Amino acid sequence: MAPPRKKHYHSVALQQRFTQERFPQFQYSREKATWTGGLKPKANSPTYIVCITYRLYERPKVSVIRPSLHPDAPHTYSDRTLCLYYPDDKSWDYQKFLAQTILLWTMEWLYFYELWLATGKWYRPEVLHSGMKPSA
């Protein structure tokens, strides 16, 4: 019987390299352990400046720096970071690349946020969980 395989993780350096290849507009700060850059969910959207804070083995946290989010924006945590996935479903783990998950989910979140601003309805499936502000 073969021994169990160790889980492989992507180092922060590898995360940075892959993110830079896929999203060259994002700059990495080693001191702050953050990536900061602009995203546009649609051609006519404003450029959202977002900041991703990530330390190995921790959940990435995504904040929108500007433009400011509506104070009642749904699917945010009390610290105003975005709720991009349901933590208990294991969508994110340290074996995945930020550029293939978190950044794409952020674009999707921004798209649905703009729909919410226009209609007052959150059109994405949702699961309420602790610490998250639900949609109205």
Protein backbone atom coordinates (compact mmCIF):
# COMPACT_ATOMS: atom_id res chain seq x y z
CA MET A 1 0.00 0.00 0.00
CA ALA A 2 1.42 3.36 -1.04
CA PRO A 3 1.86 6.03 1.62
CA PRO A 4 -0.58 8.94 1.46
CA ARG A 5 0.61 11.77 -0.73
CA LYS A 6 1.42 15.06 0.89
CA LYS A 7 -0.72 17.94 -0.21
CA HIS A 8 1.13 20.21 -2.56
CA TYR A 9 0.86 23.92 -2.02
CA HIS A 10 1.85 26.81 -4.23
CA SER A 11 4.42 29.04 -2.57
CA VAL A 12 3.75 32.76 -2.41
CA ALA A 13 6.56 33.23 -4.95
CA LEU A 14 4.84 30.86 -7.37
CA GLN A 15 1.49 32.54 -6.70
CA GLN A 16 3.12 35.89 -7.48
CA ARG A 17 4.68 34.65 -10.71
CA PHE A 18 1.45 33.06 -11.97
CA THR A 19 -0.62 36.10 -10.99
CA GLN A 20 1.80 38.42 -12.79
CA GLU A 21 1.54 36.32 -15.95
CA ARG A 22 -2.28 36.29 -15.93
CA PHE A 23 -2.93 39.73 -14.44
CA PRO A 24 0.10 41.94 -15.20
CA GLN A 25 -1.73 45.02 -13.87
CA PHE A 26 -1.40 43.61 -10.34
CA GLN A 27 1.59 44.59 -8.27
CA TYR A 28 2.82 42.46 -5.39
CA SER A 29 4.04 43.90 -2.08
CA ARG A 30 6.13 41.44 -0.11
CA GLU A 31 6.04 43.63 3.02
CA LYS A 32 2.24 43.66 3.09
CA ALA A 33 1.69 40.25 1.45
CA THR A 34 -0.73 41.88 -0.98
CA TRP A 35 -1.52 42.12 -4.67
CA THR A 36 -3.13 45.37 -5.79
CA GLY A 37 -4.50 46.13 -9.23
CA GLY A 38 -7.46 47.05 -11.36
CA LEU A 39 -10.33 44.88 -12.59
CA LYS A 40 -13.23 45.70 -14.93
CA PRO A 41 -16.07 43.15 -14.91
CA LYS A 42 -17.58 44.68 -18.09
CA ALA A 43 -16.26 47.01 -20.78
CA ASN A 44 -18.40 49.90 -19.49
CA SER A 45 -17.61 49.25 -15.81
CA PRO A 46 -15.35 51.49 -13.80
CA THR A 47 -11.93 50.08 -13.01
CA TYR A 48 -12.13 48.65 -9.51
CA ILE A 49 -8.86 48.80 -7.60
CA VAL A 50 -8.76 45.68 -5.47
CA CYS A 51 -6.32 44.42 -2.90
CA ILE A 52 -5.78 40.73 -2.19
CA THR A 53 -4.08 39.87 1.07
CA TYR A 54 -2.70 36.35 1.19
CA ARG A 55 -0.43 34.45 3.52
CA LEU A 56 0.29 30.79 2.99
CA TYR A 57 -2.29 28.48 4.61
CA GLU A 58 -4.69 31.37 5.24
CA ARG A 59 -7.86 32.38 3.44
CA PRO A 60 -7.20 35.14 0.90
CA LYS A 61 -8.97 38.38 1.73
CA VAL A 62 -10.14 40.71 -1.03
CA SER A 63 -10.99 44.37 -0.51
CA VAL A 64 -12.18 46.96 -3.00
CA ILE A 65 -10.10 50.09 -2.48
CA ARG A 66 -11.92 52.26 -5.01
CA PRO A 67 -14.46 53.15 -6.02
CA SER A 68 -15.97 52.72 -2.58
CA LEU A 69 -18.55 49.98 -2.31
CA HIS A 70 -22.10 50.86 -1.34
CA PRO A 71 -22.35 50.68 2.49
CA ASP A 72 -25.07 48.02 2.19
CA ALA A 73 -23.20 45.90 -0.36
CA PRO A 74 -24.18 42.26 0.17
CA HIS A 75 -21.81 39.35 0.37
CA THR A 76 -19.20 41.17 2.38
CA TYR A 77 -17.75 40.38 5.77
CA SER A 78 -17.77 42.76 8.72
CA ASP A 79 -14.24 43.90 7.78
CA ARG A 80 -15.63 44.88 4.32
CA THR A 81 -13.75 42.08 2.52
CA LEU A 82 -15.65 40.26 -0.20
CA CYS A 83 -17.38 36.94 0.31
CA LEU A 84 -16.35 35.11 -2.86
CA TYR A 85 -17.22 31.52 -1.98
CA TYR A 86 -18.76 29.41 0.76
CA PRO A 87 -15.81 28.42 2.98
CA ASP A 88 -17.28 25.06 4.01
CA ASP A 89 -17.49 23.78 0.43
CA LYS A 90 -13.67 23.85 0.11
CA SER A 91 -13.75 25.86 -3.15
CA TRP A 92 -10.52 27.49 -2.08
CA ASP A 93 -7.46 25.88 -0.58
CA TYR A 94 -3.75 26.65 -0.67
CA GLN A 95 -3.26 24.13 -3.48
CA LYS A 96 -5.00 26.46 -5.94
CA PHE A 97 -3.73 29.50 -7.76
CA LEU A 98 -5.13 32.90 -6.82
CA ALA A 99 -5.15 33.88 -10.51
CA GLN A 100 -7.36 30.90 -11.42
CA THR A 101 -9.77 31.25 -8.53
CA ILE A 102 -9.79 34.33 -6.31
CA LEU A 103 -9.15 36.88 -9.06
CA LEU A 104 -11.77 35.35 -11.36
CA TRP A 105 -14.26 35.09 -8.51
CA THR A 106 -13.58 38.75 -7.70
CA MET A 107 -14.42 39.72 -11.28
CA GLU A 108 -17.63 37.69 -11.00
CA TRP A 109 -18.47 39.27 -7.63
CA LEU A 110 -18.00 42.75 -9.14
CA TYR A 111 -20.28 41.84 -12.06
CA PHE A 112 -23.07 40.74 -9.71
CA TYR A 113 -22.42 43.74 -7.46
CA GLU A 114 -23.10 46.04 -10.42
CA LEU A 115 -26.33 44.15 -11.16
CA TRP A 116 -27.29 44.52 -7.50
CA LEU A 117 -26.63 48.28 -7.67
CA ALA A 118 -28.92 48.52 -10.73
CA THR A 119 -31.71 46.21 -9.54
CA GLY A 120 -31.43 45.73 -5.79
CA LYS A 121 -31.31 41.94 -6.33
CA TRP A 122 -28.31 39.62 -5.99
CA TYR A 123 -28.53 37.29 -8.99
CA ARG A 124 -25.89 34.80 -7.91
CA PRO A 125 -26.68 31.72 -5.80
CA GLU A 126 -25.87 32.36 -2.17
CA VAL A 127 -25.34 30.49 1.06
CA LEU A 128 -25.59 32.49 4.26
CA HIS A 129 -22.82 31.79 6.73
CA SER A 130 -21.30 33.37 9.80
CA GLY A 131 -19.75 36.78 9.43
CA MET A 132 -21.30 37.48 6.01
CA LYS A 133 -23.70 40.30 5.24
CA PRO A 134 -26.62 38.76 3.26
CA SER A 135 -28.27 40.35 0.28
CA ALA A 136 -31.51 42.23 0.84
